[in-house]
Amino acid sequence: MVYFGASIKSSGISHEANRNAARRKRWKNDAPERETMKSETQKIIYQRLRTALEARLARAFDIDPKELPGLPLCDIMSLLFALFGDTNSMGGCGSTAGAIIALIGRELFWETPKPEQPTSTAVH
């Protein structure tokens, strides 16, 4: 095929395969992180995202959000996409993950929350 006087040869890799490879790469390694964003701001955004997504997941199962196990934010997002997602309705799981990582960073996205320690009310 000749395009603007240059010959373009088929590489044998489909456009769809290239696009999927780019999505996987963006999901795993290359999602942009905002270096100018303060870590405190990231933690606030993380906590608000976690609260909203946990509430949505709890409503899906008709339970209290406190009854959910301590899942990483990435797992909660994936579960919600599996339950309610459609390639056209949510913009894609990879795109959503990339946006969240851009806001809060990879570490918080994959971090498993530590269980809350019950406060002791025993009187000595």
PDB file of N, CA and C in Angstrom:
ATOM      1  N   MET A   1       0.839  -1.172   0.000  1.00  0.00           N
ATOM      2  CA  MET A   1       0.000   0.000   0.000  1.00  0.00           C
ATOM      3  C   MET A   1       0.883   1.234   0.000  1.00  0.00           C
ATOM      4  N   VAL A   2       0.542   2.200  -0.819  1.00  0.00           N
ATOM      5  CA  VAL A   2       1.312   3.428  -0.890  1.00  0.00           C
ATOM      6  C   VAL A   2       0.500   4.540  -0.247  1.00  0.00           C
ATOM      7  N   TYR A   3       1.119   5.232   0.680  1.00  0.00           N
ATOM      8  CA  TYR A   3       0.445   6.302   1.410  1.00  0.00           C
ATOM      9  C   TYR A   3       1.363   7.510   1.413  1.00  0.00           C
ATOM     10  N   PHE A   4       0.958   8.597   0.809  1.00  0.00           N
ATOM     11  CA  PHE A   4       1.768   9.804   0.674  1.00  0.00           C
ATOM     12  C   PHE A   4       3.158   9.501   0.114  1.00  0.00           C
ATOM     13  N   GLY A   5       3.195   8.611  -0.857  1.00  0.00           N
ATOM     14  CA  GLY A   5       4.451   8.315  -1.529  1.00  0.00           C
ATOM     15  C   GLY A   5       5.336   7.342  -0.780  1.00  0.00           C
ATOM     16  N   ALA A   6       4.961   6.908   0.417  1.00  0.00           N
ATOM     17  CA  ALA A   6       5.773   5.960   1.177  1.00  0.00           C
ATOM     18  C   ALA A   6       5.067   4.614   1.187  1.00  0.00           C
ATOM     19  N   SER A   7       5.839   3.582   1.144  1.00  0.00           N
ATOM     20  CA  SER A   7       5.278   2.239   1.168  1.00  0.00           C
ATOM     21  C   SER A   7       5.082   1.801   2.613  1.00  0.00           C
ATOM     22  N   ILE A   8       3.882   1.325   2.923  1.00  0.00           N
ATOM     23  CA  ILE A   8       3.590   0.833   4.269  1.00  0.00           C
ATOM     24  C   ILE A   8       3.399  -0.672   4.166  1.00  0.00           C
ATOM     25  N   LYS A   9       4.228  -1.408   4.866  1.00  0.00           N
ATOM     26  CA  LYS A   9       4.129  -2.864   4.865  1.00  0.00           C
ATOM     27  C   LYS A   9       3.436  -3.324   6.132  1.00  0.00           C
ATOM     28  N   SER A  10       2.680  -4.375   5.998  1.00  0.00           N
ATOM     29  CA  SER A  10       1.991  -4.940   7.149  1.00  0.00           C
ATOM     30  C   SER A  10       3.010  -5.620   8.049  1.00  0.00           C
ATOM     31  N   SER A  11       2.939  -5.355   9.333  1.00  0.00           N
ATOM     32  CA  SER A  11       3.866  -5.962  10.278  1.00  0.00           C
ATOM     33  C   SER A  11       3.374  -7.312  10.767  1.00  0.00           C
ATOM     34  N   GLY A  12       2.163  -7.686  10.397  1.00  0.00           N
ATOM     35  CA  GLY A  12       1.617  -8.963  10.856  1.00  0.00           C
ATOM     36  C   GLY A  12       0.908  -8.853  12.193  1.00  0.00           C
ATOM     37  N   ILE A  13       1.000  -7.697  12.827  1.00  0.00           N
ATOM     38  CA  ILE A  13       0.336  -7.485  14.112  1.00  0.00           C
ATOM     39  C   ILE A  13      -0.863  -6.592  13.856  1.00  0.00           C
ATOM     40  N   SER A  14      -2.001  -7.031  14.310  1.00  0.00           N
ATOM     41  CA  SER A  14      -3.217  -6.268  14.058  1.00  0.00           C
ATOM     42  C   SER A  14      -3.250  -4.994  14.894  1.00  0.00           C
ATOM     43  N   HIS A  15      -4.024  -4.054  14.414  1.00  0.00           N
ATOM     44  CA  HIS A  15      -4.203  -2.798  15.138  1.00  0.00           C
ATOM     45  C   HIS A  15      -4.781  -3.067  16.527  1.00  0.00           C
ATOM     46  N   GLU A  16      -5.718  -4.006  16.608  1.00  0.00           N
ATOM     47  CA  GLU A  16      -6.346  -4.350  17.889  1.00  0.00           C
ATOM     48  C   GLU A  16      -5.308  -4.893  18.874  1.00  0.00           C
ATOM     49  N   ALA A  17      -4.408  -5.739  18.397  1.00  0.00           N
ATOM     50  CA  ALA A  17      -3.368  -6.293  19.275  1.00  0.00           C
ATOM     51  C   ALA A  17      -2.452  -5.188  19.781  1.00  0.00           C
ATOM     52  N   ASN A  18      -2.098  -4.246  18.921  1.00  0.00           N
ATOM     53  CA  ASN A  18      -1.264  -3.119  19.353  1.00  0.00           C
ATOM     54  C   ASN A  18      -1.966  -2.279  20.398  1.00  0.00           C
ATOM     55  N   ARG A  19      -3.245  -2.030  20.181  1.00  0.00           N
ATOM     56  CA  ARG A  19      -4.013  -1.232  21.130  1.00  0.00           C
ATOM     57  C   ARG A  19      -4.117  -1.950  22.474  1.00  0.00           C
ATOM     58  N   ASN A  20      -4.377  -3.253  22.459  1.00  0.00           N
ATOM     59  CA  ASN A  20      -4.478  -4.012  23.708  1.00  0.00           C
ATOM     60  C   ASN A  20      -3.154  -4.041  24.445  1.00  0.00           C
ATOM     61  N   ALA A  21      -2.045  -4.183  23.723  1.00  0.00           N
ATOM     62  CA  ALA A  21      -0.727  -4.175  24.356  1.00  0.00           C
ATOM     63  C   ALA A  21      -0.470  -2.822  25.020  1.00  0.00           C
ATOM     64  N   ALA A  22      -0.866  -1.754  24.346  1.00  0.00           N
ATOM     65  CA  ALA A  22      -0.691  -0.419  24.923  1.00  0.00           C
ATOM     66  C   ALA A  22      -1.518  -0.255  26.184  1.00  0.00           C
ATOM     67  N   ARG A  23      -2.717  -0.787  26.189  1.00  0.00           N
ATOM     68  CA  ARG A  23      -3.570  -0.694  27.388  1.00  0.00           C
ATOM     69  C   ARG A  23      -2.956  -1.458  28.550  1.00  0.00           C
ATOM     70  N   ARG A  24      -2.470  -2.676  28.277  1.00  0.00           N
ATOM     71  CA  ARG A  24      -1.853  -3.464  29.350  1.00  0.00           C
ATOM     72  C   ARG A  24      -0.628  -2.756  29.913  1.00  0.00           C
ATOM     73  N   LYS A  25       0.169  -2.177  29.027  1.00  0.00           N
ATOM     74  CA  LYS A  25       1.368  -1.488  29.478  1.00  0.00           C
ATOM     75  C   LYS A  25       0.993  -0.294  30.343  1.00  0.00           C
ATOM     76  N   ARG A  26      -0.007   0.477  29.910  1.00  0.00           N
ATOM     77  CA  ARG A  26      -0.444   1.639  30.665  1.00  0.00           C
ATOM     78  C   ARG A  26      -0.981   1.212  32.023  1.00  0.00           C
ATOM     79  N   TRP A  27      -1.751   0.112  32.039  1.00  0.00           N
ATOM     80  CA  TRP A  27      -2.340  -0.388  33.280  1.00  0.00           C
ATOM     81  C   TRP A  27      -1.263  -0.788  34.280  1.00  0.00           C
ATOM     82  N   LYS A  28      -0.248  -1.517  33.788  1.00  0.00           N
ATOM     83  CA  LYS A  28       0.742  -2.072  34.707  1.00  0.00           C
ATOM     84  C   LYS A  28       1.852  -1.094  35.072  1.00  0.00           C
ATOM     85  N   ASN A  29       2.428  -0.424  34.083  1.00  0.00           N
ATOM     86  CA  ASN A  29       3.670   0.291  34.347  1.00  0.00           C
ATOM     87  C   ASN A  29       3.669   1.777  34.043  1.00  0.00           C
ATOM     88  N   ASP A  30       2.996   2.174  33.013  1.00  0.00           N
ATOM     89  CA  ASP A  30       3.222   3.506  32.494  1.00  0.00           C
ATOM     90  C   ASP A  30       2.116   4.505  32.767  1.00  0.00           C
ATOM     91  N   ALA A  31       1.253   4.235  33.717  1.00  0.00           N
ATOM     92  CA  ALA A  31       0.220   5.221  34.025  1.00  0.00           C
ATOM     93  C   ALA A  31       0.917   6.446  34.601  1.00  0.00           C
ATOM     94  N   PRO A  32       0.603   7.634  34.098  1.00  0.00           N
ATOM     95  CA  PRO A  32       1.294   8.835  34.585  1.00  0.00           C
ATOM     96  C   PRO A  32       0.928   9.133  36.030  1.00  0.00           C
ATOM     97  N   GLU A  33       1.923   9.517  36.775  1.00  0.00           N
ATOM     98  CA  GLU A  33       1.684   9.933  38.153  1.00  0.00           C
ATOM     99  C   GLU A  33       2.055  11.397  38.271  1.00  0.00           C
ATOM    100  N   ARG A  34       1.280  12.125  39.003  1.00  0.00           N
ATOM    101  CA  ARG A  34       1.537  13.549  39.151  1.00  0.00           C
ATOM    102  C   ARG A  34       2.539  13.756  40.268  1.00  0.00           C
ATOM    103  N   GLU A  35       3.734  14.116  39.883  1.00  0.00           N
ATOM    104  CA  GLU A  35       4.769  14.314  40.889  1.00  0.00           C
ATOM    105  C   GLU A  35       4.525  15.575  41.705  1.00  0.00           C
ATOM    106  N   THR A  36       3.763  16.507  41.142  1.00  0.00           N
ATOM    107  CA  THR A  36       3.523  17.752  41.864  1.00  0.00           C
ATOM    108  C   THR A  36       2.448  17.598  42.930  1.00  0.00           C
ATOM    109  N   MET A  37       1.662  16.517  42.841  1.00  0.00           N
ATOM    110  CA  MET A  37       0.588  16.327  43.803  1.00  0.00           C
ATOM    111  C   MET A  37       1.174  15.876  45.146  1.00  0.00           C
ATOM    112  N   LYS A  38       0.784  16.530  46.188  1.00  0.00           N
ATOM    113  CA  LYS A  38       1.269  16.195  47.518  1.00  0.00           C
ATOM    114  C   LYS A  38       0.729  14.841  47.961  1.00  0.00           C
ATOM    115  N   SER A  39       1.529  14.111  48.719  1.00  0.00           N
ATOM    116  CA  SER A  39       1.093  12.795  49.174  1.00  0.00           C
ATOM    117  C   SER A  39      -0.136  12.895  50.078  1.00  0.00           C
ATOM    118  N   GLU A  40      -0.273  13.984  50.797  1.00  0.00           N
ATOM    119  CA  GLU A  40      -1.443  14.150  51.656  1.00  0.00           C
ATOM    120  C   GLU A  40      -2.715  14.278  50.818  1.00  0.00           C
ATOM    121  N   THR A  41      -2.616  15.002  49.715  1.00  0.00           N
ATOM    122  CA  THR A  41      -3.745  15.131  48.803  1.00  0.00           C
ATOM    123  C   THR A  41      -4.098  13.782  48.210  1.00  0.00           C
ATOM    124  N   GLN A  42      -3.084  13.002  47.846  1.00  0.00           N
ATOM    125  CA  GLN A  42      -3.321  11.664  47.307  1.00  0.00           C
ATOM    126  C   GLN A  42      -4.052  10.795  48.323  1.00  0.00           C
ATOM    127  N   LYS A  43      -3.675  10.890  49.572  1.00  0.00           N
ATOM    128  CA  LYS A  43      -4.325  10.092  50.617  1.00  0.00           C
ATOM    129  C   LYS A  43      -5.781  10.492  50.812  1.00  0.00           C
ATOM    130  N   ILE A  44      -6.069  11.782  50.700  1.00  0.00           N
ATOM    131  CA  ILE A  44      -7.451  12.254  50.826  1.00  0.00           C
ATOM    132  C   ILE A  44      -8.287  11.723  49.663  1.00  0.00           C
ATOM    133  N   ILE A  45      -7.741  11.833  48.448  1.00  0.00           N
ATOM    134  CA  ILE A  45      -8.447  11.323  47.268  1.00  0.00           C
ATOM    135  C   ILE A  45      -8.639   9.817  47.390  1.00  0.00           C
ATOM    136  N   TYR A  46      -7.596   9.117  47.823  1.00  0.00           N
ATOM    137  CA  TYR A  46      -7.670   7.664  48.007  1.00  0.00           C
ATOM    138  C   TYR A  46      -8.794   7.299  48.974  1.00  0.00           C
ATOM    139  N   GLN A  47      -8.853   7.977  50.104  1.00  0.00           N
ATOM    140  CA  GLN A  47      -9.858   7.646  51.115  1.00  0.00           C
ATOM    141  C   GLN A  47     -11.270   7.917  50.603  1.00  0.00           C
ATOM    142  N   ARG A  48     -11.447   8.999  49.874  1.00  0.00           N
ATOM    143  CA  ARG A  48     -12.771   9.304  49.320  1.00  0.00           C
ATOM    144  C   ARG A  48     -13.170   8.300  48.246  1.00  0.00           C
ATOM    145  N   LEU A  49     -12.223   7.929  47.388  1.00  0.00           N
ATOM    146  CA  LEU A  49     -12.503   6.900  46.381  1.00  0.00           C
ATOM    147  C   LEU A  49     -12.856   5.579  47.048  1.00  0.00           C
ATOM    148  N   ARG A  50     -12.058   5.184  48.048  1.00  0.00           N
ATOM    149  CA  ARG A  50     -12.294   3.926  48.747  1.00  0.00           C
ATOM    150  C   ARG A  50     -13.671   3.923  49.400  1.00  0.00           C
ATOM    151  N   THR A  51     -14.032   4.993  50.065  1.00  0.00           N
ATOM    152  CA  THR A  51     -15.333   5.084  50.724  1.00  0.00           C
ATOM    153  C   THR A  51     -16.466   4.948  49.717  1.00  0.00           C
ATOM    154  N   ALA A  52     -16.355   5.669  48.598  1.00  0.00           N
ATOM    155  CA  ALA A  52     -17.413   5.632  47.580  1.00  0.00           C
ATOM    156  C   ALA A  52     -17.519   4.254  46.930  1.00  0.00           C
ATOM    157  N   LEU A  53     -16.378   3.652  46.588  1.00  0.00           N
ATOM    158  CA  LEU A  53     -16.406   2.348  45.917  1.00  0.00           C
ATOM    159  C   LEU A  53     -16.837   1.230  46.867  1.00  0.00           C
ATOM    160  N   GLU A  54     -16.390   1.298  48.125  1.00  0.00           N
ATOM    161  CA  GLU A  54     -16.835   0.298  49.105  1.00  0.00           C
ATOM    162  C   GLU A  54     -18.344   0.397  49.328  1.00  0.00           C
ATOM    163  N   ALA A  55     -18.868   1.615  49.395  1.00  0.00           N
ATOM    164  CA  ALA A  55     -20.314   1.794  49.587  1.00  0.00           C
ATOM    165  C   ALA A  55     -21.083   1.203  48.407  1.00  0.00           C
ATOM    166  N   ARG A  56     -20.571   1.436  47.205  1.00  0.00           N
ATOM    167  CA  ARG A  56     -21.252   0.895  46.018  1.00  0.00           C
ATOM    168  C   ARG A  56     -21.205  -0.632  46.002  1.00  0.00           C
ATOM    169  N   LEU A  57     -20.066  -1.209  46.362  1.00  0.00           N
ATOM    170  CA  LEU A  57     -19.944  -2.665  46.403  1.00  0.00           C
ATOM    171  C   LEU A  57     -20.834  -3.255  47.494  1.00  0.00           C
ATOM    172  N   ALA A  58     -20.884  -2.607  48.651  1.00  0.00           N
ATOM    173  CA  ALA A  58     -21.733  -3.086  49.745  1.00  0.00           C
ATOM    174  C   ALA A  58     -23.210  -3.043  49.352  1.00  0.00           C
ATOM    175  N   ARG A  59     -23.629  -1.992  48.650  1.00  0.00           N
ATOM    176  CA  ARG A  59     -25.020  -1.916  48.185  1.00  0.00           C
ATOM    177  C   ARG A  59     -25.338  -3.059  47.225  1.00  0.00           C
ATOM    178  N   ALA A  60     -24.366  -3.453  46.414  1.00  0.00           N
ATOM    179  CA  ALA A  60     -24.583  -4.544  45.460  1.00  0.00           C
ATOM    180  C   ALA A  60     -24.872  -5.850  46.187  1.00  0.00           C
ATOM    181  N   PHE A  61     -24.271  -6.028  47.355  1.00  0.00           N
ATOM    182  CA  PHE A  61     -24.459  -7.262  48.123  1.00  0.00           C
ATOM    183  C   PHE A  61     -25.427  -7.076  49.290  1.00  0.00           C
ATOM    184  N   ASP A  62     -25.981  -5.884  49.420  1.00  0.00           N
ATOM    185  CA  ASP A  62     -26.915  -5.555  50.489  1.00  0.00           C
ATOM    186  C   ASP A  62     -26.322  -5.848  51.865  1.00  0.00           C
ATOM    187  N   ILE A  63     -25.105  -5.338  52.065  1.00  0.00           N
ATOM    188  CA  ILE A  63     -24.422  -5.482  53.354  1.00  0.00           C
ATOM    189  C   ILE A  63     -23.876  -4.122  53.766  1.00  0.00           C
ATOM    190  N   ASP A  64     -23.397  -4.048  54.977  1.00  0.00           N
ATOM    191  CA  ASP A  64     -22.754  -2.845  55.478  1.00  0.00           C
ATOM    192  C   ASP A  64     -21.321  -2.792  54.935  1.00  0.00           C
ATOM    193  N   PRO A  65     -20.822  -1.631  54.534  1.00  0.00           N
ATOM    194  CA  PRO A  65     -19.452  -1.554  54.023  1.00  0.00           C
ATOM    195  C   PRO A  65     -18.397  -2.092  54.996  1.00  0.00           C
ATOM    196  N   LYS A  66     -18.678  -2.036  56.291  1.00  0.00           N
ATOM    197  CA  LYS A  66     -17.724  -2.547  57.289  1.00  0.00           C
ATOM    198  C   LYS A  66     -17.601  -4.065  57.244  1.00  0.00           C
ATOM    199  N   GLU A  67     -18.572  -4.733  56.613  1.00  0.00           N
ATOM    200  CA  GLU A  67     -18.539  -6.189  56.508  1.00  0.00           C
ATOM    201  C   GLU A  67     -17.651  -6.678  55.363  1.00  0.00           C
ATOM    202  N   LEU A  68     -17.245  -5.772  54.489  1.00  0.00           N
ATOM    203  CA  LEU A  68     -16.375  -6.162  53.380  1.00  0.00           C
ATOM    204  C   LEU A  68     -14.975  -6.467  53.895  1.00  0.00           C
ATOM    205  N   PRO A  69     -14.304  -7.439  53.289  1.00  0.00           N
ATOM    206  CA  PRO A  69     -12.918  -7.684  53.679  1.00  0.00           C
ATOM    207  C   PRO A  69     -12.038  -6.529  53.207  1.00  0.00           C
ATOM    208  N   GLY A  70     -10.890  -6.395  53.798  1.00  0.00           N
ATOM    209  CA  GLY A  70      -9.965  -5.325  53.419  1.00  0.00           C
ATOM    210  C   GLY A  70      -9.321  -5.593  52.074  1.00  0.00           C
ATOM    211  N   LEU A  71      -9.983  -5.202  51.005  1.00  0.00           N
ATOM    212  CA  LEU A  71      -9.485  -5.417  49.651  1.00  0.00           C
ATOM    213  C   LEU A  71      -8.713  -4.196  49.167  1.00  0.00           C
ATOM    214  N   PRO A  72      -7.696  -4.402  48.339  1.00  0.00           N
ATOM    215  CA  PRO A  72      -7.043  -3.259  47.706  1.00  0.00           C
ATOM    216  C   PRO A  72      -8.039  -2.519  46.813  1.00  0.00           C
ATOM    217  N   LEU A  73      -7.823  -1.240  46.630  1.00  0.00           N
ATOM    218  CA  LEU A  73      -8.713  -0.434  45.809  1.00  0.00           C
ATOM    219  C   LEU A  73      -8.828  -1.002  44.397  1.00  0.00           C
ATOM    220  N   CYS A  74      -7.725  -1.540  43.866  1.00  0.00           N
ATOM    221  CA  CYS A  74      -7.765  -2.119  42.515  1.00  0.00           C
ATOM    222  C   CYS A  74      -8.738  -3.299  42.452  1.00  0.00           C
ATOM    223  N   ASP A  75      -8.817  -4.102  43.504  1.00  0.00           N
ATOM    224  CA  ASP A  75      -9.738  -5.237  43.521  1.00  0.00           C
ATOM    225  C   ASP A  75     -11.194  -4.782  43.612  1.00  0.00           C
ATOM    226  N   ILE A  76     -11.447  -3.756  44.407  1.00  0.00           N
ATOM    227  CA  ILE A  76     -12.808  -3.231  44.521  1.00  0.00           C
ATOM    228  C   ILE A  76     -13.261  -2.698  43.170  1.00  0.00           C
ATOM    229  N   MET A  77     -12.379  -1.935  42.512  1.00  0.00           N
ATOM    230  CA  MET A  77     -12.713  -1.393  41.205  1.00  0.00           C
ATOM    231  C   MET A  77     -12.979  -2.512  40.203  1.00  0.00           C
ATOM    232  N   SER A  78     -12.151  -3.540  40.211  1.00  0.00           N
ATOM    233  CA  SER A  78     -12.327  -4.663  39.290  1.00  0.00           C
ATOM    234  C   SER A  78     -13.629  -5.411  39.552  1.00  0.00           C
ATOM    235  N   LEU A  79     -13.969  -5.616  40.820  1.00  0.00           N
ATOM    236  CA  LEU A  79     -15.231  -6.275  41.161  1.00  0.00           C
ATOM    237  C   LEU A  79     -16.432  -5.471  40.683  1.00  0.00           C
ATOM    238  N   LEU A  80     -16.380  -4.165  40.894  1.00  0.00           N
ATOM    239  CA  LEU A  80     -17.478  -3.321  40.442  1.00  0.00           C
ATOM    240  C   LEU A  80     -17.607  -3.372  38.922  1.00  0.00           C
ATOM    241  N   PHE A  81     -16.478  -3.374  38.238  1.00  0.00           N
ATOM    242  CA  PHE A  81     -16.534  -3.457  36.784  1.00  0.00           C
ATOM    243  C   PHE A  81     -17.087  -4.812  36.350  1.00  0.00           C
ATOM    244  N   ALA A  82     -16.693  -5.873  37.054  1.00  0.00           N
ATOM    245  CA  ALA A  82     -17.198  -7.209  36.714  1.00  0.00           C
ATOM    246  C   ALA A  82     -18.704  -7.314  36.944  1.00  0.00           C
ATOM    247  N   LEU A  83     -19.188  -6.661  37.992  1.00  0.00           N
ATOM    248  CA  LEU A  83     -20.610  -6.725  38.316  1.00  0.00           C
ATOM    249  C   LEU A  83     -21.465  -5.823  37.433  1.00  0.00           C
ATOM    250  N   PHE A  84     -20.993  -4.609  37.187  1.00  0.00           N
ATOM    251  CA  PHE A  84     -21.831  -3.609  36.530  1.00  0.00           C
ATOM    252  C   PHE A  84     -21.285  -3.111  35.202  1.00  0.00           C
ATOM    253  N   GLY A  85     -20.056  -3.446  34.908  1.00  0.00           N
ATOM    254  CA  GLY A  85     -19.387  -2.863  33.757  1.00  0.00           C
ATOM    255  C   GLY A  85     -19.821  -3.428  32.435  1.00  0.00           C
ATOM    256  N   ASP A  86     -19.669  -2.608  31.475  1.00  0.00           N
ATOM    257  CA  ASP A  86     -19.909  -2.956  30.090  1.00  0.00           C
ATOM    258  C   ASP A  86     -18.892  -2.113  29.338  1.00  0.00           C
ATOM    259  N   THR A  87     -18.352  -2.643  28.278  1.00  0.00           N
ATOM    260  CA  THR A  87     -17.307  -1.893  27.585  1.00  0.00           C
ATOM    261  C   THR A  87     -17.751  -0.503  27.188  1.00  0.00           C
ATOM    262  N   ASN A  88     -19.033  -0.296  27.006  1.00  0.00           N
ATOM    263  CA  ASN A  88     -19.518   1.023  26.614  1.00  0.00           C
ATOM    264  C   ASN A  88     -20.035   1.853  27.771  1.00  0.00           C
ATOM    265  N   SER A  89     -20.289   1.236  28.930  1.00  0.00           N
ATOM    266  CA  SER A  89     -20.928   1.981  30.006  1.00  0.00           C
ATOM    267  C   SER A  89     -19.953   2.656  30.955  1.00  0.00           C
ATOM    268  N   MET A  90     -18.779   2.102  31.133  1.00  0.00           N
ATOM    269  CA  MET A  90     -17.867   2.654  32.134  1.00  0.00           C
ATOM    270  C   MET A  90     -16.566   3.187  31.551  1.00  0.00           C
ATOM    271  N   GLY A  91     -16.393   3.120  30.264  1.00  0.00           N
ATOM    272  CA  GLY A  91     -15.179   3.641  29.675  1.00  0.00           C
ATOM    273  C   GLY A  91     -14.016   2.664  29.698  1.00  0.00           C
ATOM    274  N   GLY A  92     -14.217   1.495  30.202  1.00  0.00           N
ATOM    275  CA  GLY A  92     -13.175   0.483  30.219  1.00  0.00           C
ATOM    276  C   GLY A  92     -12.466   0.411  31.556  1.00  0.00           C
ATOM    277  N   CYS A  93     -12.198  -0.800  31.971  1.00  0.00           N
ATOM    278  CA  CYS A  93     -11.536  -1.028  33.252  1.00  0.00           C
ATOM    279  C   CYS A  93     -10.116  -0.449  33.238  1.00  0.00           C
ATOM    280  N   GLY A  94      -9.401  -0.624  32.135  1.00  0.00           N
ATOM    281  CA  GLY A  94      -8.038  -0.105  32.036  1.00  0.00           C
ATOM    282  C   GLY A  94      -7.975   1.405  32.097  1.00  0.00           C
ATOM    283  N   SER A  95      -8.902   2.060  31.444  1.00  0.00           N
ATOM    284  CA  SER A  95      -8.952   3.526  31.475  1.00  0.00           C
ATOM    285  C   SER A  95      -9.253   4.030  32.876  1.00  0.00           C
ATOM    286  N   THR A  96     -10.177   3.348  33.546  1.00  0.00           N
ATOM    287  CA  THR A  96     -10.537   3.732  34.908  1.00  0.00           C
ATOM    288  C   THR A  96      -9.344   3.559  35.841  1.00  0.00           C
ATOM    289  N   ALA A  97      -8.666   2.421  35.723  1.00  0.00           N
ATOM    290  CA  ALA A  97      -7.493   2.176  36.565  1.00  0.00           C
ATOM    291  C   ALA A  97      -6.405   3.204  36.298  1.00  0.00           C
ATOM    292  N   GLY A  98      -6.173   3.519  35.038  1.00  0.00           N
ATOM    293  CA  GLY A  98      -5.162   4.515  34.697  1.00  0.00           C
ATOM    294  C   GLY A  98      -5.459   5.875  35.295  1.00  0.00           C
ATOM    295  N   ALA A  99      -6.727   6.265  35.286  1.00  0.00           N
ATOM    296  CA  ALA A  99      -7.117   7.555  35.867  1.00  0.00           C
ATOM    297  C   ALA A  99      -6.925   7.549  37.379  1.00  0.00           C
ATOM    298  N   ILE A 100      -7.299   6.452  38.023  1.00  0.00           N
ATOM    299  CA  ILE A 100      -7.135   6.370  39.481  1.00  0.00           C
ATOM    300  C   ILE A 100      -5.656   6.397  39.849  1.00  0.00           C
ATOM    301  N   ILE A 101      -4.831   5.662  39.104  1.00  0.00           N
ATOM    302  CA  ILE A 101      -3.391   5.653  39.377  1.00  0.00           C
ATOM    303  C   ILE A 101      -2.801   7.042  39.174  1.00  0.00           C
ATOM    304  N   ALA A 102      -3.270   7.758  38.166  1.00  0.00           N
ATOM    305  CA  ALA A 102      -2.788   9.117  37.935  1.00  0.00           C
ATOM    306  C   ALA A 102      -3.113  10.026  39.120  1.00  0.00           C
ATOM    307  N   LEU A 103      -4.235   9.766  39.779  1.00  0.00           N
ATOM    308  CA  LEU A 103      -4.636  10.589  40.924  1.00  0.00           C
ATOM    309  C   LEU A 103      -3.927  10.208  42.210  1.00  0.00           C
ATOM    310  N   ILE A 104      -3.824   8.905  42.492  1.00  0.00           N
ATOM    311  CA  ILE A 104      -3.333   8.495  43.814  1.00  0.00           C
ATOM    312  C   ILE A 104      -1.998   7.768  43.788  1.00  0.00           C
ATOM    313  N   GLY A 105      -1.530   7.354  42.622  1.00  0.00           N
ATOM    314  CA  GLY A 105      -0.270   6.617  42.534  1.00  0.00           C
ATOM    315  C   GLY A 105      -0.480   5.114  42.615  1.00  0.00           C
ATOM    316  N   ARG A 106       0.513   4.382  42.142  1.00  0.00           N
ATOM    317  CA  ARG A 106       0.422   2.916  42.094  1.00  0.00           C
ATOM    318  C   ARG A 106       0.391   2.273  43.468  1.00  0.00           C
ATOM    319  N   GLU A 107       1.170   2.823  44.390  1.00  0.00           N
ATOM    320  CA  GLU A 107       1.272   2.194  45.714  1.00  0.00           C
ATOM    321  C   GLU A 107      -0.074   2.149  46.426  1.00  0.00           C
ATOM    322  N   LEU A 108      -0.774   3.264  46.440  1.00  0.00           N
ATOM    323  CA  LEU A 108      -2.082   3.278  47.101  1.00  0.00           C
ATOM    324  C   LEU A 108      -3.106   2.447  46.336  1.00  0.00           C
ATOM    325  N   PHE A 109      -2.996   2.423  45.008  1.00  0.00           N
ATOM    326  CA  PHE A 109      -3.941   1.660  44.195  1.00  0.00           C
ATOM    327  C   PHE A 109      -3.868   0.168  44.515  1.00  0.00           C
ATOM    328  N   TRP A 110      -2.660  -0.352  44.734  1.00  0.00           N
ATOM    329  CA  TRP A 110      -2.465  -1.788  44.977  1.00  0.00           C
ATOM    330  C   TRP A 110      -2.392  -2.140  46.456  1.00  0.00           C
ATOM    331  N   GLU A 111      -2.350  -1.146  47.325  1.00  0.00           N
ATOM    332  CA  GLU A 111      -2.167  -1.384  48.760  1.00  0.00           C
ATOM    333  C   GLU A 111      -3.375  -2.082  49.397  1.00  0.00           C
ATOM    334  N   THR A 112      -3.089  -3.117  50.183  1.00  0.00           N
ATOM    335  CA  THR A 112      -4.133  -3.781  50.961  1.00  0.00           C
ATOM    336  C   THR A 112      -4.245  -3.037  52.288  1.00  0.00           C
ATOM    337  N   PRO A 113      -5.439  -2.554  52.630  1.00  0.00           N
ATOM    338  CA  PRO A 113      -5.574  -1.793  53.878  1.00  0.00           C
ATOM    339  C   PRO A 113      -5.310  -2.669  55.093  1.00  0.00           C
ATOM    340  N   LYS A 114      -4.727  -2.050  56.096  1.00  0.00           N
ATOM    341  CA  LYS A 114      -4.477  -2.767  57.344  1.00  0.00           C
ATOM    342  C   LYS A 114      -5.778  -2.845  58.130  1.00  0.00           C
ATOM    343  N   PRO A 115      -6.051  -4.001  58.755  1.00  0.00           N
ATOM    344  CA  PRO A 115      -7.287  -4.109  59.540  1.00  0.00           C
ATOM    345  C   PRO A 115      -7.251  -3.139  60.716  1.00  0.00           C
ATOM    346  N   GLU A 116      -8.417  -2.590  61.009  1.00  0.00           N
ATOM    347  CA  GLU A 116      -8.497  -1.660  62.141  1.00  0.00           C
ATOM    348  C   GLU A 116      -8.348  -2.426  63.438  1.00  0.00           C
ATOM    349  N   GLN A 117      -7.551  -1.881  64.331  1.00  0.00           N
ATOM    350  CA  GLN A 117      -7.361  -2.496  65.637  1.00  0.00           C
ATOM    351  C   GLN A 117      -8.490  -2.032  66.559  1.00  0.00           C
ATOM    352  N   PRO A 118      -9.187  -2.970  67.188  1.00  0.00           N
ATOM    353  CA  PRO A 118     -10.258  -2.565  68.108  1.00  0.00           C
ATOM    354  C   PRO A 118      -9.661  -1.838  69.305  1.00  0.00           C
ATOM    355  N   THR A 119     -10.335  -0.808  69.735  1.00  0.00           N
ATOM    356  CA  THR A 119      -9.868  -0.061  70.898  1.00  0.00           C
ATOM    357  C   THR A 119     -10.247  -0.818  72.157  1.00  0.00           C
ATOM    358  N   SER A 120      -9.330  -0.891  73.054  1.00  0.00           N
ATOM    359  CA  SER A 120      -9.549  -1.626  74.291  1.00  0.00           C
ATOM    360  C   SER A 120     -10.372  -0.765  75.254  1.00  0.00           C
ATOM    361  N   THR A 121     -11.418  -1.374  75.796  1.00  0.00           N
ATOM    362  CA  THR A 121     -12.248  -0.663  76.786  1.00  0.00           C
ATOM    363  C   THR A 121     -12.139  -1.300  78.163  1.00  0.00           C
ATOM    364  N   ALA A 122     -11.163  -2.200  78.316  1.00  0.00           N
ATOM    365  CA  ALA A 122     -11.005  -2.879  79.592  1.00  0.00           C
ATOM    366  C   ALA A 122     -10.467  -1.911  80.649  1.00  0.00           C
ATOM    367  N   VAL A 123     -10.994  -2.029  81.844  1.00  0.00           N
ATOM    368  CA  VAL A 123     -10.554  -1.197  82.966  1.00  0.00           C
ATOM    369  C   VAL A 123      -9.691  -2.073  83.849  1.00  0.00           C
ATOM    370  N   HIS A 124      -8.512  -1.565  84.169  1.00  0.00           N
ATOM    371  CA  HIS A 124      -7.578  -2.343  85.013  1.00  0.00           C
ATOM    372  C   HIS A 124      -7.728  -1.996  86.444  1.00  0.00           C
TER     373      HIS A 124
END
